[in-house]
Amino acid sequence: MSSPVLEKPSTSETSYVLLYNVSWEQLKQLDVALAGTSARLSYLDGILEIMSPLSDDHEDSKKTLAMLLEVYLRAKNIRFYGRGSATIGKQEDKTRREPDESYNLGTKKPIPDLILEITVTSGGINKLEIYRRLRVPEVWFWEDGLLSVYCLQSDSYIKVSKSPLLPDLDLDLLAKYALLISSCFC
């Protein structure tokens, strides 16, 4: 087994490092060593992304979108279980991820139905590939004030204009209110 190789991309908002050739055992050891820190881990095929600290913009957007989504779910009497950033992944799939926010709709399940990701940096591990292997039905990305929704169809994600899980939710209106609320806190 080869030793992990480090790559440290430069970013302005959030810093992250990529480690290559990381075994599952090494991942578990790093997870224990980083417990209690603000570090977030993503793992795919031996590549480990360690992201920290999470920026104020990231956290503000995550909280605002999560609150708006939860208000909608409650108003529509849709039973949901917020899972937050609970770690998901499987050694056999060579995946691990701590999503920004995640939800089960209807019933509790080991894999979320919907994941919300806030993107303030580009690059790093392909999160959609992790979620595809785990069979997450829907992934939402918030980036630069835009909401992009990806739906798992067959064995790949398709970008869609409406949420199949929440077809009555006006995604453009949700994004508009998220931006409006965010601008009030400047």
N, C-alpha and C. Protein backbone atom coordinates (compact mmCIF):
# COMPACT_ATOMS: atom_id res chain seq x y z
N MET A 1 0.84 -1.17 0.00
CA MET A 1 0.00 0.00 0.00
C MET A 1 0.89 1.24 0.00
N SER A 2 0.55 2.21 -0.86
CA SER A 2 1.35 3.42 -0.94
C SER A 2 0.90 4.43 0.10
N SER A 3 1.78 5.37 0.41
CA SER A 3 1.49 6.41 1.39
C SER A 3 0.58 7.46 0.78
N PRO A 4 -0.25 8.11 1.61
CA PRO A 4 -1.11 9.18 1.10
C PRO A 4 -0.27 10.32 0.52
N VAL A 5 -0.79 10.93 -0.54
CA VAL A 5 -0.15 12.06 -1.20
C VAL A 5 -1.04 13.28 -0.96
N LEU A 6 -0.45 14.43 -0.61
CA LEU A 6 -1.18 15.63 -0.26
C LEU A 6 -1.22 16.61 -1.41
N GLU A 7 -2.39 17.18 -1.65
CA GLU A 7 -2.56 18.30 -2.58
C GLU A 7 -3.35 19.36 -1.84
N LYS A 8 -2.86 20.60 -1.82
CA LYS A 8 -3.55 21.67 -1.10
C LYS A 8 -3.91 22.79 -2.07
N PRO A 9 -5.13 22.76 -2.63
CA PRO A 9 -5.56 23.83 -3.53
C PRO A 9 -5.72 25.13 -2.76
N SER A 10 -5.52 26.26 -3.43
CA SER A 10 -5.72 27.53 -2.75
C SER A 10 -7.13 28.02 -3.04
N THR A 11 -7.82 28.44 -1.99
CA THR A 11 -9.16 28.98 -2.12
C THR A 11 -9.27 30.20 -1.23
N SER A 12 -10.26 31.04 -1.51
CA SER A 12 -10.40 32.26 -0.73
C SER A 12 -11.36 32.10 0.44
N GLU A 13 -12.39 31.34 0.30
CA GLU A 13 -13.43 31.24 1.33
C GLU A 13 -13.16 30.14 2.35
N THR A 14 -12.96 28.96 1.86
CA THR A 14 -12.80 27.80 2.70
C THR A 14 -11.56 27.06 2.24
N SER A 15 -10.82 26.53 3.17
CA SER A 15 -9.63 25.80 2.75
C SER A 15 -9.91 24.31 2.79
N TYR A 16 -9.32 23.61 1.85
CA TYR A 16 -9.43 22.16 1.86
C TYR A 16 -8.14 21.56 1.34
N VAL A 17 -7.93 20.34 1.74
CA VAL A 17 -6.80 19.58 1.24
C VAL A 17 -7.32 18.27 0.67
N LEU A 18 -6.60 17.76 -0.30
CA LEU A 18 -6.90 16.45 -0.87
C LEU A 18 -5.74 15.53 -0.55
N LEU A 19 -6.08 14.35 -0.05
CA LEU A 19 -5.08 13.31 0.19
C LEU A 19 -5.42 12.14 -0.74
N TYR A 20 -4.42 11.67 -1.45
CA TYR A 20 -4.62 10.56 -2.37
C TYR A 20 -4.04 9.29 -1.76
N ASN A 21 -4.54 8.14 -2.20
CA ASN A 21 -4.09 6.82 -1.75
C ASN A 21 -4.37 6.60 -0.26
N VAL A 22 -5.53 7.03 0.19
CA VAL A 22 -5.92 6.86 1.59
C VAL A 22 -6.76 5.59 1.70
N SER A 23 -6.35 4.70 2.57
CA SER A 23 -7.12 3.46 2.78
C SER A 23 -8.32 3.75 3.69
N TRP A 24 -9.26 2.81 3.72
CA TRP A 24 -10.42 2.95 4.59
C TRP A 24 -9.98 2.99 6.06
N GLU A 25 -8.99 2.20 6.41
CA GLU A 25 -8.48 2.20 7.79
C GLU A 25 -7.86 3.56 8.14
N GLN A 26 -7.11 4.14 7.22
CA GLN A 26 -6.53 5.46 7.46
C GLN A 26 -7.63 6.51 7.59
N LEU A 27 -8.68 6.38 6.78
CA LEU A 27 -9.83 7.29 6.88
C LEU A 27 -10.44 7.22 8.28
N LYS A 28 -10.65 6.01 8.77
CA LYS A 28 -11.24 5.85 10.11
C LYS A 28 -10.34 6.46 11.18
N GLN A 29 -9.04 6.30 11.05
CA GLN A 29 -8.10 6.87 12.02
C GLN A 29 -8.13 8.39 11.99
N LEU A 30 -8.17 8.96 10.79
CA LEU A 30 -8.25 10.42 10.67
C LEU A 30 -9.56 10.94 11.21
N ASP A 31 -10.63 10.20 10.99
CA ASP A 31 -11.94 10.60 11.51
C ASP A 31 -11.90 10.72 13.04
N VAL A 32 -11.29 9.76 13.69
CA VAL A 32 -11.16 9.79 15.15
C VAL A 32 -10.25 10.95 15.58
N ALA A 33 -9.14 11.12 14.87
CA ALA A 33 -8.19 12.18 15.22
C ALA A 33 -8.79 13.58 15.06
N LEU A 34 -9.70 13.74 14.09
CA LEU A 34 -10.29 15.06 13.82
C LEU A 34 -11.62 15.28 14.54
N ALA A 35 -12.06 14.29 15.32
CA ALA A 35 -13.33 14.43 16.06
C ALA A 35 -13.27 15.68 16.94
N GLY A 36 -14.37 16.42 16.93
CA GLY A 36 -14.44 17.62 17.75
C GLY A 36 -13.91 18.86 17.07
N THR A 37 -13.39 18.72 15.85
CA THR A 37 -12.92 19.88 15.10
C THR A 37 -14.00 20.27 14.09
N SER A 38 -13.78 21.35 13.38
CA SER A 38 -14.75 21.77 12.36
C SER A 38 -14.48 21.12 11.01
N ALA A 39 -13.52 20.21 10.95
CA ALA A 39 -13.17 19.56 9.68
C ALA A 39 -14.30 18.69 9.18
N ARG A 40 -14.56 18.75 7.86
CA ARG A 40 -15.56 17.91 7.21
C ARG A 40 -14.84 17.00 6.23
N LEU A 41 -15.16 15.71 6.26
CA LEU A 41 -14.47 14.72 5.43
C LEU A 41 -15.36 14.21 4.31
N SER A 42 -14.76 14.07 3.13
CA SER A 42 -15.39 13.40 2.00
C SER A 42 -14.37 12.40 1.46
N TYR A 43 -14.86 11.23 1.06
CA TYR A 43 -13.97 10.16 0.62
C TYR A 43 -14.57 9.49 -0.60
N LEU A 44 -13.72 9.29 -1.61
CA LEU A 44 -14.16 8.62 -2.82
C LEU A 44 -12.96 7.93 -3.45
N ASP A 45 -13.01 6.61 -3.53
CA ASP A 45 -11.99 5.81 -4.23
C ASP A 45 -10.56 6.12 -3.78
N GLY A 46 -10.36 6.24 -2.48
CA GLY A 46 -9.02 6.46 -1.97
C GLY A 46 -8.59 7.91 -1.91
N ILE A 47 -9.46 8.82 -2.34
CA ILE A 47 -9.17 10.25 -2.26
C ILE A 47 -9.95 10.81 -1.08
N LEU A 48 -9.26 11.51 -0.19
CA LEU A 48 -9.88 12.10 0.99
C LEU A 48 -9.80 13.62 0.87
N GLU A 49 -10.94 14.27 0.99
CA GLU A 49 -11.01 15.73 1.03
C GLU A 49 -11.30 16.13 2.47
N ILE A 50 -10.45 16.99 3.02
CA ILE A 50 -10.66 17.53 4.36
C ILE A 50 -10.90 19.02 4.19
N MET A 51 -12.11 19.48 4.58
CA MET A 51 -12.47 20.88 4.41
C MET A 51 -12.65 21.54 5.77
N SER A 52 -12.04 22.70 5.93
CA SER A 52 -12.18 23.44 7.18
C SER A 52 -11.51 24.79 7.02
N PRO A 53 -11.91 25.82 7.68
CA PRO A 53 -13.18 25.96 8.38
C PRO A 53 -14.29 26.28 7.39
N LEU A 54 -15.52 26.09 7.82
CA LEU A 54 -16.65 26.44 6.97
C LEU A 54 -16.88 27.94 7.11
N SER A 55 -17.03 28.62 6.00
CA SER A 55 -17.15 30.07 6.01
C SER A 55 -18.51 30.51 6.53
N ASP A 56 -18.58 31.79 6.91
CA ASP A 56 -19.86 32.36 7.34
C ASP A 56 -20.89 32.31 6.22
N ASP A 57 -20.45 32.60 4.98
CA ASP A 57 -21.37 32.53 3.84
C ASP A 57 -21.95 31.13 3.69
N HIS A 58 -21.10 30.12 3.84
CA HIS A 58 -21.55 28.73 3.75
C HIS A 58 -22.60 28.44 4.80
N GLU A 59 -22.27 28.75 6.03
CA GLU A 59 -23.17 28.42 7.14
C GLU A 59 -24.47 29.23 7.08
N ASP A 60 -24.39 30.51 6.71
CA ASP A 60 -25.59 31.33 6.58
C ASP A 60 -26.53 30.78 5.51
N SER A 61 -25.97 30.46 4.35
CA SER A 61 -26.78 29.91 3.26
C SER A 61 -27.40 28.58 3.64
N LYS A 62 -26.62 27.72 4.27
CA LYS A 62 -27.12 26.40 4.69
C LYS A 62 -28.30 26.55 5.64
N LYS A 63 -28.15 27.38 6.64
CA LYS A 63 -29.20 27.56 7.64
C LYS A 63 -30.45 28.18 7.03
N THR A 64 -30.26 29.19 6.18
CA THR A 64 -31.40 29.86 5.55
C THR A 64 -32.18 28.90 4.67
N LEU A 65 -31.50 28.18 3.79
CA LEU A 65 -32.20 27.24 2.91
C LEU A 65 -32.87 26.12 3.69
N ALA A 66 -32.19 25.61 4.70
CA ALA A 66 -32.78 24.54 5.52
C ALA A 66 -34.05 25.03 6.22
N MET A 67 -34.01 26.23 6.78
CA MET A 67 -35.19 26.77 7.47
C MET A 67 -36.35 26.98 6.49
N LEU A 68 -36.05 27.54 5.31
CA LEU A 68 -37.11 27.74 4.32
C LEU A 68 -37.71 26.41 3.86
N LEU A 69 -36.87 25.43 3.62
CA LEU A 69 -37.36 24.12 3.20
C LEU A 69 -38.22 23.49 4.30
N GLU A 70 -37.78 23.58 5.52
CA GLU A 70 -38.54 22.99 6.64
C GLU A 70 -39.87 23.70 6.87
N VAL A 71 -39.91 25.02 6.68
CA VAL A 71 -41.18 25.75 6.78
C VAL A 71 -42.13 25.25 5.71
N TYR A 72 -41.64 25.07 4.48
CA TYR A 72 -42.46 24.55 3.40
C TYR A 72 -43.00 23.16 3.74
N LEU A 73 -42.13 22.27 4.20
CA LEU A 73 -42.55 20.91 4.52
C LEU A 73 -43.61 20.89 5.61
N ARG A 74 -43.43 21.74 6.61
CA ARG A 74 -44.43 21.82 7.69
C ARG A 74 -45.75 22.39 7.18
N ALA A 75 -45.68 23.44 6.37
CA ALA A 75 -46.90 24.06 5.84
C ALA A 75 -47.70 23.09 4.98
N LYS A 76 -46.99 22.19 4.28
CA LYS A 76 -47.65 21.21 3.41
C LYS A 76 -47.95 19.90 4.14
N ASN A 77 -47.68 19.87 5.45
CA ASN A 77 -47.90 18.65 6.25
C ASN A 77 -47.17 17.44 5.68
N ILE A 78 -45.95 17.65 5.23
CA ILE A 78 -45.12 16.56 4.72
C ILE A 78 -44.23 16.10 5.86
N ARG A 79 -44.39 14.85 6.24
CA ARG A 79 -43.57 14.30 7.32
C ARG A 79 -42.12 14.21 6.83
N PHE A 80 -41.22 14.73 7.65
CA PHE A 80 -39.80 14.68 7.29
C PHE A 80 -38.96 14.48 8.54
N TYR A 81 -37.78 13.99 8.31
CA TYR A 81 -36.80 13.78 9.37
C TYR A 81 -35.51 14.45 8.93
N GLY A 82 -35.16 15.52 9.62
CA GLY A 82 -33.91 16.21 9.32
C GLY A 82 -32.75 15.39 9.86
N ARG A 83 -31.81 15.11 9.00
CA ARG A 83 -30.65 14.30 9.39
C ARG A 83 -29.39 15.15 9.53
N GLY A 84 -29.51 16.45 9.19
CA GLY A 84 -28.35 17.33 9.31
C GLY A 84 -27.19 16.83 8.47
N SER A 85 -26.01 16.82 9.08
CA SER A 85 -24.81 16.39 8.35
C SER A 85 -24.35 15.01 8.79
N ALA A 86 -25.30 14.16 9.14
CA ALA A 86 -24.96 12.81 9.56
C ALA A 86 -24.14 12.10 8.48
N THR A 87 -23.06 11.48 8.87
CA THR A 87 -22.15 10.82 7.94
C THR A 87 -22.84 9.65 7.24
N ILE A 88 -22.67 9.60 5.93
CA ILE A 88 -23.17 8.47 5.15
C ILE A 88 -22.01 7.93 4.31
N GLY A 89 -22.08 6.68 3.96
CA GLY A 89 -21.06 6.08 3.12
C GLY A 89 -20.86 4.62 3.48
N LYS A 90 -20.19 3.93 2.57
CA LYS A 90 -19.97 2.50 2.76
C LYS A 90 -18.58 2.14 2.28
N GLN A 91 -17.92 1.31 3.04
CA GLN A 91 -16.59 0.86 2.64
C GLN A 91 -16.65 0.15 1.30
N GLU A 92 -17.66 -0.69 1.10
CA GLU A 92 -17.75 -1.44 -0.15
C GLU A 92 -17.99 -0.54 -1.36
N ASP A 93 -18.58 0.64 -1.15
CA ASP A 93 -18.77 1.61 -2.23
C ASP A 93 -17.61 2.59 -2.34
N LYS A 94 -16.67 2.50 -1.39
CA LYS A 94 -15.52 3.41 -1.32
C LYS A 94 -15.95 4.86 -1.26
N THR A 95 -16.98 5.12 -0.42
CA THR A 95 -17.54 6.46 -0.29
C THR A 95 -17.79 6.82 1.17
N ARG A 96 -17.70 8.10 1.44
CA ARG A 96 -18.07 8.64 2.75
C ARG A 96 -18.27 10.14 2.56
N ARG A 97 -19.30 10.68 3.19
CA ARG A 97 -19.59 12.10 3.04
C ARG A 97 -20.41 12.58 4.23
N GLU A 98 -20.16 13.81 4.60
CA GLU A 98 -20.98 14.51 5.59
C GLU A 98 -21.70 15.62 4.82
N PRO A 99 -22.95 15.38 4.40
CA PRO A 99 -23.65 16.40 3.62
C PRO A 99 -23.89 17.65 4.48
N ASP A 100 -24.14 18.77 3.81
CA ASP A 100 -24.43 19.99 4.57
C ASP A 100 -25.75 19.86 5.32
N GLU A 101 -26.78 19.42 4.64
CA GLU A 101 -28.08 19.12 5.25
C GLU A 101 -28.67 17.93 4.51
N SER A 102 -29.45 17.12 5.22
CA SER A 102 -30.08 15.99 4.55
C SER A 102 -31.42 15.68 5.22
N TYR A 103 -32.31 15.08 4.44
CA TYR A 103 -33.67 14.84 4.90
C TYR A 103 -34.17 13.49 4.41
N ASN A 104 -34.94 12.84 5.26
CA ASN A 104 -35.79 11.72 4.85
C ASN A 104 -37.21 12.25 4.80
N LEU A 105 -37.93 11.87 3.76
CA LEU A 105 -39.33 12.25 3.63
C LEU A 105 -40.20 11.03 3.86
N GLY A 106 -41.23 11.19 4.68
CA GLY A 106 -42.16 10.10 4.94
C GLY A 106 -41.73 9.20 6.08
N THR A 107 -40.61 8.52 5.92
CA THR A 107 -40.12 7.60 6.94
C THR A 107 -38.61 7.76 7.10
N LYS A 108 -38.11 7.28 8.23
CA LYS A 108 -36.66 7.29 8.45
C LYS A 108 -36.04 6.17 7.62
N LYS A 109 -34.90 6.48 7.01
CA LYS A 109 -34.19 5.52 6.17
C LYS A 109 -32.69 5.71 6.41
N PRO A 110 -31.89 4.71 6.11
CA PRO A 110 -30.44 4.86 6.33
C PRO A 110 -29.80 5.88 5.37
N ILE A 111 -30.35 6.03 4.18
CA ILE A 111 -29.84 6.98 3.20
C ILE A 111 -30.89 8.08 3.01
N PRO A 112 -30.47 9.34 3.04
CA PRO A 112 -31.44 10.43 2.88
C PRO A 112 -32.12 10.42 1.52
N ASP A 113 -33.33 10.98 1.48
CA ASP A 113 -34.04 11.17 0.21
C ASP A 113 -33.55 12.42 -0.50
N LEU A 114 -33.18 13.43 0.30
CA LEU A 114 -32.82 14.72 -0.27
C LEU A 114 -31.60 15.26 0.47
N ILE A 115 -30.64 15.73 -0.29
CA ILE A 115 -29.42 16.32 0.29
C ILE A 115 -29.28 17.73 -0.24
N LEU A 116 -28.92 18.63 0.65
CA LEU A 116 -28.67 20.02 0.31
C LEU A 116 -27.18 20.30 0.50
N GLU A 117 -26.53 20.76 -0.57
CA GLU A 117 -25.11 21.08 -0.54
C GLU A 117 -24.91 22.55 -0.86
N ILE A 118 -24.10 23.23 -0.07
CA ILE A 118 -23.76 24.62 -0.29
C ILE A 118 -22.35 24.65 -0.87
N THR A 119 -22.19 25.25 -2.03
CA THR A 119 -20.90 25.28 -2.69
C THR A 119 -20.34 26.70 -2.65
N VAL A 120 -19.21 26.86 -1.95
CA VAL A 120 -18.51 28.16 -1.94
C VAL A 120 -17.13 28.03 -2.56
N THR A 121 -16.67 26.82 -2.79
CA THR A 121 -15.40 26.59 -3.47
C THR A 121 -15.64 25.55 -4.57
N SER A 122 -14.81 25.59 -5.57
CA SER A 122 -14.94 24.58 -6.62
C SER A 122 -13.76 23.63 -6.55
N GLY A 123 -13.90 22.51 -7.19
CA GLY A 123 -12.85 21.51 -7.15
C GLY A 123 -13.14 20.48 -6.07
N GLY A 124 -12.15 19.67 -5.81
CA GLY A 124 -12.32 18.64 -4.79
C GLY A 124 -13.00 17.41 -5.34
N ILE A 125 -13.53 16.64 -4.44
CA ILE A 125 -14.17 15.36 -4.78
C ILE A 125 -15.52 15.58 -5.43
N ASN A 126 -15.88 14.72 -6.36
CA ASN A 126 -17.17 14.76 -7.04
C ASN A 126 -18.25 14.23 -6.09
N LYS A 127 -18.98 15.16 -5.46
CA LYS A 127 -20.00 14.78 -4.48
C LYS A 127 -21.14 14.00 -5.12
N LEU A 128 -21.51 14.37 -6.35
CA LEU A 128 -22.59 13.63 -7.02
C LEU A 128 -22.23 12.16 -7.22
N GLU A 129 -20.97 11.86 -7.46
CA GLU A 129 -20.57 10.47 -7.62
C GLU A 129 -20.73 9.70 -6.31
N ILE A 130 -20.40 10.35 -5.21
CA ILE A 130 -20.61 9.70 -3.91
C ILE A 130 -22.09 9.41 -3.72
N TYR A 131 -22.92 10.41 -3.97
CA TYR A 131 -24.37 10.23 -3.77
C TYR A 131 -24.98 9.24 -4.76
N ARG A 132 -24.44 9.19 -5.97
CA ARG A 132 -24.93 8.22 -6.96
C ARG A 132 -24.70 6.80 -6.46
N ARG A 133 -23.52 6.55 -5.95
CA ARG A 133 -23.21 5.20 -5.44
C ARG A 133 -24.08 4.83 -4.25
N LEU A 134 -24.45 5.83 -3.47
CA LEU A 134 -25.28 5.58 -2.30
C LEU A 134 -26.78 5.60 -2.63
N ARG A 135 -27.11 5.94 -3.88
CA ARG A 135 -28.49 5.93 -4.38
C ARG A 135 -29.36 6.99 -3.70
N VAL A 136 -28.81 8.18 -3.49
CA VAL A 136 -29.58 9.30 -2.94
C VAL A 136 -30.49 9.82 -4.06
N PRO A 137 -31.82 9.83 -3.85
CA PRO A 137 -32.73 10.20 -4.93
C PRO A 137 -32.58 11.63 -5.46
N GLU A 138 -32.28 12.59 -4.57
CA GLU A 138 -32.26 13.98 -5.02
C GLU A 138 -31.18 14.76 -4.28
N VAL A 139 -30.42 15.57 -5.04
CA VAL A 139 -29.36 16.40 -4.47
C VAL A 139 -29.55 17.82 -4.98
N TRP A 140 -29.55 18.78 -4.03
CA TRP A 140 -29.68 20.19 -4.38
C TRP A 140 -28.35 20.88 -4.10
N PHE A 141 -27.88 21.67 -5.05
CA PHE A 141 -26.66 22.47 -4.87
C PHE A 141 -27.03 23.95 -4.89
N TRP A 142 -26.57 24.67 -3.89
CA TRP A 142 -26.73 26.13 -3.83
C TRP A 142 -25.36 26.74 -4.11
N GLU A 143 -25.27 27.53 -5.18
CA GLU A 143 -24.00 28.15 -5.52
C GLU A 143 -24.26 29.52 -6.14
N ASP A 144 -23.65 30.54 -5.57
CA ASP A 144 -23.77 31.91 -6.06
C ASP A 144 -25.23 32.34 -6.22
N GLY A 145 -26.07 31.99 -5.28
CA GLY A 145 -27.46 32.41 -5.30
C GLY A 145 -28.35 31.62 -6.24
N LEU A 146 -27.84 30.53 -6.78
CA LEU A 146 -28.63 29.69 -7.69
C LEU A 146 -28.80 28.30 -7.09
N LEU A 147 -29.98 27.76 -7.26
CA LEU A 147 -30.29 26.41 -6.78
C LEU A 147 -30.37 25.47 -7.97
N SER A 148 -29.55 24.43 -7.96
CA SER A 148 -29.57 23.41 -9.01
C SER A 148 -29.99 22.09 -8.39
N VAL A 149 -30.96 21.44 -9.02
CA VAL A 149 -31.51 20.19 -8.49
C VAL A 149 -31.16 19.04 -9.43
N TYR A 150 -30.64 17.97 -8.83
CA TYR A 150 -30.27 16.77 -9.58
C TYR A 150 -31.08 15.59 -9.06
N CYS A 151 -31.66 14.87 -9.99
CA CYS A 151 -32.51 13.72 -9.67
C CYS A 151 -31.85 12.46 -10.20
N LEU A 152 -31.79 11.43 -9.37
CA LEU A 152 -31.21 10.16 -9.77
C LEU A 152 -32.20 9.41 -10.65
N GLN A 153 -31.81 9.16 -11.88
CA GLN A 153 -32.64 8.42 -12.83
C GLN A 153 -31.78 7.30 -13.39
N SER A 154 -32.26 6.08 -13.24
CA SER A 154 -31.48 4.88 -13.58
C SER A 154 -30.21 4.90 -12.75
N ASP A 155 -29.07 5.16 -13.39
CA ASP A 155 -27.81 5.14 -12.64
C ASP A 155 -27.02 6.43 -12.79
N SER A 156 -27.72 7.53 -13.10
CA SER A 156 -27.01 8.81 -13.21
C SER A 156 -27.93 9.95 -12.80
N TYR A 157 -27.31 11.09 -12.49
CA TYR A 157 -28.08 12.27 -12.10
C TYR A 157 -28.40 13.11 -13.32
N ILE A 158 -29.63 13.61 -13.34
CA ILE A 158 -30.11 14.50 -14.38
C ILE A 158 -30.49 15.81 -13.70
N LYS A 159 -30.02 16.92 -14.26
CA LYS A 159 -30.41 18.22 -13.74
C LYS A 159 -31.85 18.48 -14.16
N VAL A 160 -32.69 18.86 -13.18
CA VAL A 160 -34.12 19.06 -13.43
C VAL A 160 -34.53 20.46 -12.98
N SER A 161 -35.66 20.92 -13.48
CA SER A 161 -36.14 22.25 -13.11
C SER A 161 -37.14 22.20 -11.96
N LYS A 162 -37.68 21.02 -11.68
CA LYS A 162 -38.61 20.83 -10.56
C LYS A 162 -38.16 19.63 -9.76
N SER A 163 -38.39 19.69 -8.47
CA SER A 163 -38.05 18.58 -7.60
C SER A 163 -39.07 17.46 -7.76
N PRO A 164 -38.65 16.27 -8.16
CA PRO A 164 -39.60 15.15 -8.21
C PRO A 164 -40.15 14.79 -6.83
N LEU A 165 -39.36 14.98 -5.78
CA LEU A 165 -39.83 14.68 -4.43
C LEU A 165 -40.83 15.72 -3.93
N LEU A 166 -40.64 16.96 -4.35
CA LEU A 166 -41.50 18.07 -3.90
C LEU A 166 -41.97 18.85 -5.13
N PRO A 167 -42.82 18.25 -5.97
CA PRO A 167 -43.17 18.86 -7.26
C PRO A 167 -43.92 20.18 -7.15
N ASP A 168 -44.56 20.46 -6.03
CA ASP A 168 -45.30 21.72 -5.88
C ASP A 168 -44.44 22.86 -5.36
N LEU A 169 -43.21 22.57 -4.98
CA LEU A 169 -42.33 23.60 -4.46
C LEU A 169 -41.75 24.43 -5.61
N ASP A 170 -41.95 25.73 -5.55
CA ASP A 170 -41.41 26.65 -6.54
C ASP A 170 -39.95 26.93 -6.17
N LEU A 171 -39.03 26.27 -6.86
CA LEU A 171 -37.60 26.38 -6.53
C LEU A 171 -37.06 27.79 -6.78
N ASP A 172 -37.57 28.46 -7.82
CA ASP A 172 -37.13 29.83 -8.08
C ASP A 172 -37.54 30.76 -6.93
N LEU A 173 -38.74 30.56 -6.43
CA LEU A 173 -39.22 31.38 -5.31
C LEU A 173 -38.41 31.07 -4.05
N LEU A 174 -38.10 29.82 -3.82
CA LEU A 174 -37.27 29.44 -2.68
C LEU A 174 -35.91 30.14 -2.76
N ALA A 175 -35.29 30.12 -3.92
CA ALA A 175 -33.99 30.77 -4.10
C ALA A 175 -34.10 32.27 -3.91
N LYS A 176 -35.17 32.85 -4.42
CA LYS A 176 -35.38 34.30 -4.28
C LYS A 176 -35.48 34.69 -2.81
N TYR A 177 -36.25 33.95 -2.03
CA TYR A 177 -36.39 34.25 -0.61
C TYR A 177 -35.09 34.00 0.15
N ALA A 178 -34.36 32.98 -0.24
CA ALA A 178 -33.07 32.71 0.41
C ALA A 178 -32.11 33.88 0.20
N LEU A 179 -32.09 34.43 -1.02
CA LEU A 179 -31.25 35.59 -1.30
C LEU A 179 -31.72 36.82 -0.55
N LEU A 180 -33.03 37.00 -0.49
CA LEU A 180 -33.61 38.14 0.21
C LEU A 180 -33.26 38.11 1.69
N ILE A 181 -33.42 36.95 2.30
CA ILE A 181 -33.10 36.80 3.72
C ILE A 181 -31.62 37.02 3.95
N SER A 182 -30.79 36.46 3.08
CA SER A 182 -29.34 36.61 3.22
C SER A 182 -28.92 38.07 3.13
N SER A 183 -29.56 38.81 2.25
CA SER A 183 -29.19 40.22 2.07
C SER A 183 -29.60 41.08 3.26
N CYS A 184 -30.56 40.63 4.04
CA CYS A 184 -30.99 41.37 5.23
C CYS A 184 -29.98 41.31 6.34
N PHE A 185 -29.06 40.35 6.30
CA PHE A 185 -28.10 40.17 7.38
C PHE A 185 -26.74 40.79 7.07
N CYS A 186 -26.66 41.58 6.02
CA CYS A 186 -25.37 42.20 5.66
C CYS A 186 -25.03 43.36 6.57
